[in-house]
Amino acid sequence: MLKTIHTFGDPILRKKARRIEVIDQQINTLVNDMFETMYAAEGIGLAAPQVGESIRLFIIDINPMDSNEGKRVFINPEILEFGDEKDVYEEGCLSIPTVHEDVLRPTGIRIKYQSLDGEEHDEWIDTFLARVIQHEFDHLEGVLFTDRLSALKRSLLKNTLKKIANGEIEVELSENYQL
């Protein structure tokens, strides 16, 4: 079932999400709904707070056209370490429609998390996936990618962000999306 994507200005996006104690059918259903919603919005990542659930969960599929190759679920993630190297890459966010800006982030991370089956994982990731994970992890901490921009960039975006917060700019679903 498609979920509403909460956008800039919604207080849930600024809350620190709570830990998931039990991975049950409700979480499984939410994950399926989140993937459906993310694909409909043509995204590559989506955090639970973005669909109104303040819990520590996000999903990623950086290869949505390649079957389930890139499909990942991260429950109760913790970033344990950041790599020394950093790079700049343009980011966007389903909760901040139409805004795309360059963001500086570490190129590698060590992350600990649970998968949907409850299994614990601890891995080093140093690909594009590391950037996407950091972006989605930020959502669980109440941080938006625009917070990582310079004061000047944020100032230049002020009017656009105000329009998003007022509902004048909304998330668009793909015309190609089919249930």
Protein backbone atom coordinates (compact mmCIF):
# COMPACT_ATOMS: atom_id res chain seq x y z
CA MET A 1 0.00 0.00 0.00
CA LEU A 2 1.35 3.42 -0.93
CA LYS A 3 2.26 5.62 2.03
CA THR A 4 2.24 9.40 2.18
CA ILE A 5 5.75 10.82 2.04
CA HIS A 6 6.13 13.50 4.70
CA THR A 7 7.91 16.59 3.41
CA PHE A 8 10.08 19.40 4.70
CA GLY A 9 8.41 21.24 7.55
CA ASP A 10 6.75 18.13 9.04
CA PRO A 11 7.97 17.78 12.68
CA ILE A 12 8.41 13.98 12.37
CA LEU A 13 11.39 14.59 10.08
CA ARG A 14 13.19 16.36 12.94
CA LYS A 15 12.62 13.71 15.63
CA LYS A 16 15.22 11.13 16.57
CA ALA A 17 13.61 7.78 15.72
CA ARG A 18 13.15 5.09 18.37
CA ARG A 19 14.67 1.61 18.33
CA ILE A 20 12.62 -1.31 17.02
CA GLU A 21 12.29 -3.93 19.76
CA VAL A 22 10.44 -6.64 17.81
CA ILE A 23 10.62 -7.38 14.09
CA ASP A 24 7.11 -8.67 13.47
CA GLN A 25 4.52 -8.84 10.69
CA GLN A 26 3.73 -5.16 11.17
CA ILE A 27 7.37 -4.28 10.37
CA ASN A 28 7.33 -6.65 7.38
CA THR A 29 4.19 -4.98 6.05
CA LEU A 30 5.69 -1.53 6.59
CA VAL A 31 8.85 -2.53 4.70
CA ASN A 32 6.79 -3.80 1.74
CA ASP A 33 4.72 -0.59 1.74
CA MET A 34 7.89 1.50 1.91
CA PHE A 35 9.41 -0.26 -1.11
CA GLU A 36 6.19 0.26 -3.06
CA THR A 37 6.12 3.94 -2.07
CA MET A 38 9.82 4.46 -2.86
CA TYR A 39 9.48 2.91 -6.32
CA ALA A 40 6.36 4.97 -7.07
CA ALA A 41 8.29 8.14 -6.16
CA GLU A 42 11.32 6.95 -8.18
CA GLY A 43 13.60 7.01 -5.15
CA ILE A 44 16.56 4.84 -4.18
CA GLY A 45 16.15 5.09 -0.41
CA LEU A 46 13.41 5.78 2.11
CA ALA A 47 13.47 6.04 5.90
CA ALA A 48 10.52 5.18 8.14
CA PRO A 49 10.14 8.76 9.46
CA GLN A 50 9.55 9.88 5.87
CA VAL A 51 6.34 7.81 5.87
CA GLY A 52 5.27 8.90 9.34
CA GLU A 53 6.85 6.14 11.43
CA SER A 54 9.45 7.40 13.91
CA ILE A 55 11.34 4.10 14.13
CA ARG A 56 14.92 3.14 13.23
CA LEU A 57 14.35 1.57 9.84
CA PHE A 58 15.28 2.46 6.30
CA ILE A 59 15.28 0.72 2.94
CA ILE A 60 17.51 1.12 -0.08
CA ASP A 61 17.50 -0.13 -3.64
CA ILE A 62 20.19 1.53 -5.69
CA ASN A 63 19.45 -0.81 -8.61
CA PRO A 64 15.63 -0.83 -8.78
CA MET A 65 15.66 -2.06 -12.38
CA ASP A 66 17.96 -5.02 -11.64
CA SER A 67 15.59 -7.42 -9.83
CA ASN A 68 16.48 -7.53 -6.12
CA GLU A 69 20.24 -7.00 -6.57
CA GLY A 70 20.38 -3.75 -4.62
CA LYS A 71 17.34 -4.19 -2.36
CA ARG A 72 18.38 -3.76 1.30
CA VAL A 73 16.61 -3.30 4.66
CA PHE A 74 18.39 -1.72 7.64
CA ILE A 75 16.81 -2.07 11.09
CA ASN A 76 18.30 -0.35 14.17
CA PRO A 77 21.40 0.75 12.25
CA GLU A 78 24.45 2.24 13.94
CA ILE A 79 27.29 3.84 12.01
CA LEU A 80 30.36 2.70 13.93
CA GLU A 81 33.08 4.32 11.85
CA PHE A 82 33.56 6.78 9.00
CA GLY A 83 36.35 6.51 6.43
CA ASP A 84 38.96 9.26 6.13
CA GLU A 85 38.27 10.10 2.48
CA LYS A 86 35.36 12.32 1.52
CA ASP A 87 33.76 13.35 -1.73
CA VAL A 88 31.04 15.61 -3.01
CA TYR A 89 28.00 14.26 -4.82
CA GLU A 90 24.63 15.73 -5.73
CA GLU A 91 21.87 14.51 -3.43
CA GLY A 92 18.12 14.84 -3.51
CA CYS A 93 15.45 13.65 -1.12
CA LEU A 94 11.87 12.45 -1.53
CA SER A 95 10.94 14.64 1.46
CA ILE A 96 12.45 17.72 -0.17
CA PRO A 97 11.07 17.52 -3.73
CA THR A 98 12.80 19.48 -6.53
CA VAL A 99 15.89 20.28 -4.42
CA HIS A 100 19.24 18.78 -5.48
CA GLU A 101 22.52 19.98 -4.02
CA ASP A 102 26.13 18.84 -3.66
CA VAL A 103 26.87 17.28 -0.25
CA LEU A 104 30.26 16.35 1.19
CA ARG A 105 30.27 12.94 2.91
CA PRO A 106 32.79 10.23 3.83
CA THR A 107 33.20 7.67 1.05
CA GLY A 108 33.18 4.69 3.40
CA ILE A 109 31.43 3.62 6.60
CA ARG A 110 31.26 0.70 8.98
CA ILE A 111 27.66 -0.04 9.86
CA LYS A 112 25.99 -2.46 12.24
CA TYR A 113 22.30 -3.28 11.69
CA GLN A 114 19.68 -5.99 11.67
CA SER A 115 18.10 -7.33 8.50
CA LEU A 116 14.39 -8.10 8.19
CA ASP A 117 14.98 -11.65 9.45
CA GLY A 118 16.52 -10.20 12.65
CA GLU A 119 20.06 -11.26 11.73
CA GLU A 120 22.85 -8.93 12.97
CA HIS A 121 25.27 -7.54 10.39
CA ASP A 122 28.49 -5.56 10.76
CA GLU A 123 30.06 -4.49 7.49
CA TRP A 124 32.31 -1.94 5.84
CA ILE A 125 30.74 -0.25 2.82
CA ASP A 126 32.73 2.06 0.57
CA THR A 127 30.65 2.43 -2.56
CA PHE A 128 27.79 4.72 -3.61
CA LEU A 129 25.74 2.64 -1.17
CA ALA A 130 27.74 4.21 1.72
CA ARG A 131 26.50 7.67 0.70
CA VAL A 132 22.89 6.54 0.43
CA ILE A 133 23.09 4.82 3.82
CA GLN A 134 24.44 8.01 5.42
CA HIS A 135 21.61 10.03 3.86
CA GLU A 136 18.94 7.61 5.12
CA PHE A 137 20.63 7.22 8.52
CA ASP A 138 20.47 11.00 8.92
CA HIS A 139 16.67 10.76 8.68
CA LEU A 140 16.67 8.51 11.76
CA GLU A 141 18.61 11.20 13.61
CA GLY A 142 16.25 14.01 12.55
CA VAL A 143 18.79 15.43 10.10
CA LEU A 144 18.02 16.43 6.51
CA PHE A 145 20.61 16.71 3.74
CA THR A 146 19.95 20.44 3.55
CA ASP A 147 21.36 20.69 7.10
CA ARG A 148 24.71 19.64 5.62
CA LEU A 149 24.79 22.60 3.20
CA SER A 150 26.54 25.90 3.81
CA ALA A 151 24.57 28.75 5.35
CA LEU A 152 24.68 30.51 1.97
CA LYS A 153 23.21 27.49 0.12
CA ARG A 154 20.47 27.11 2.75
CA SER A 155 19.69 30.80 2.44
CA LEU A 156 19.36 30.46 -1.34
CA LEU A 157 16.94 27.54 -0.83
CA LYS A 158 14.81 29.35 1.77
CA ASN A 159 11.93 30.21 -0.59
CA THR A 160 11.78 26.73 -2.12
CA LEU A 161 11.83 25.08 1.33
CA LYS A 162 9.05 27.42 2.46
CA LYS A 163 6.95 26.36 -0.57
CA ILE A 164 7.54 22.68 0.27
CA ALA A 165 6.58 23.27 3.92
CA ASN A 166 3.41 25.07 2.79
CA GLY A 167 2.44 22.20 0.45
CA GLU A 168 2.96 24.27 -2.71
CA ILE A 169 5.57 21.77 -3.95
CA GLU A 170 4.65 18.11 -3.49
CA VAL A 171 6.14 14.69 -4.06
CA GLU A 172 5.24 13.42 -7.51
CA LEU A 173 4.65 9.78 -8.26
CA SER A 174 5.92 8.29 -11.49
CA GLU A 175 3.46 8.14 -14.38
CA ASN A 176 5.06 4.78 -15.21
CA TYR A 177 4.37 3.28 -11.79
CA GLN A 178 1.88 0.44 -11.81
CA LEU A 179 0.56 -1.62 -8.92
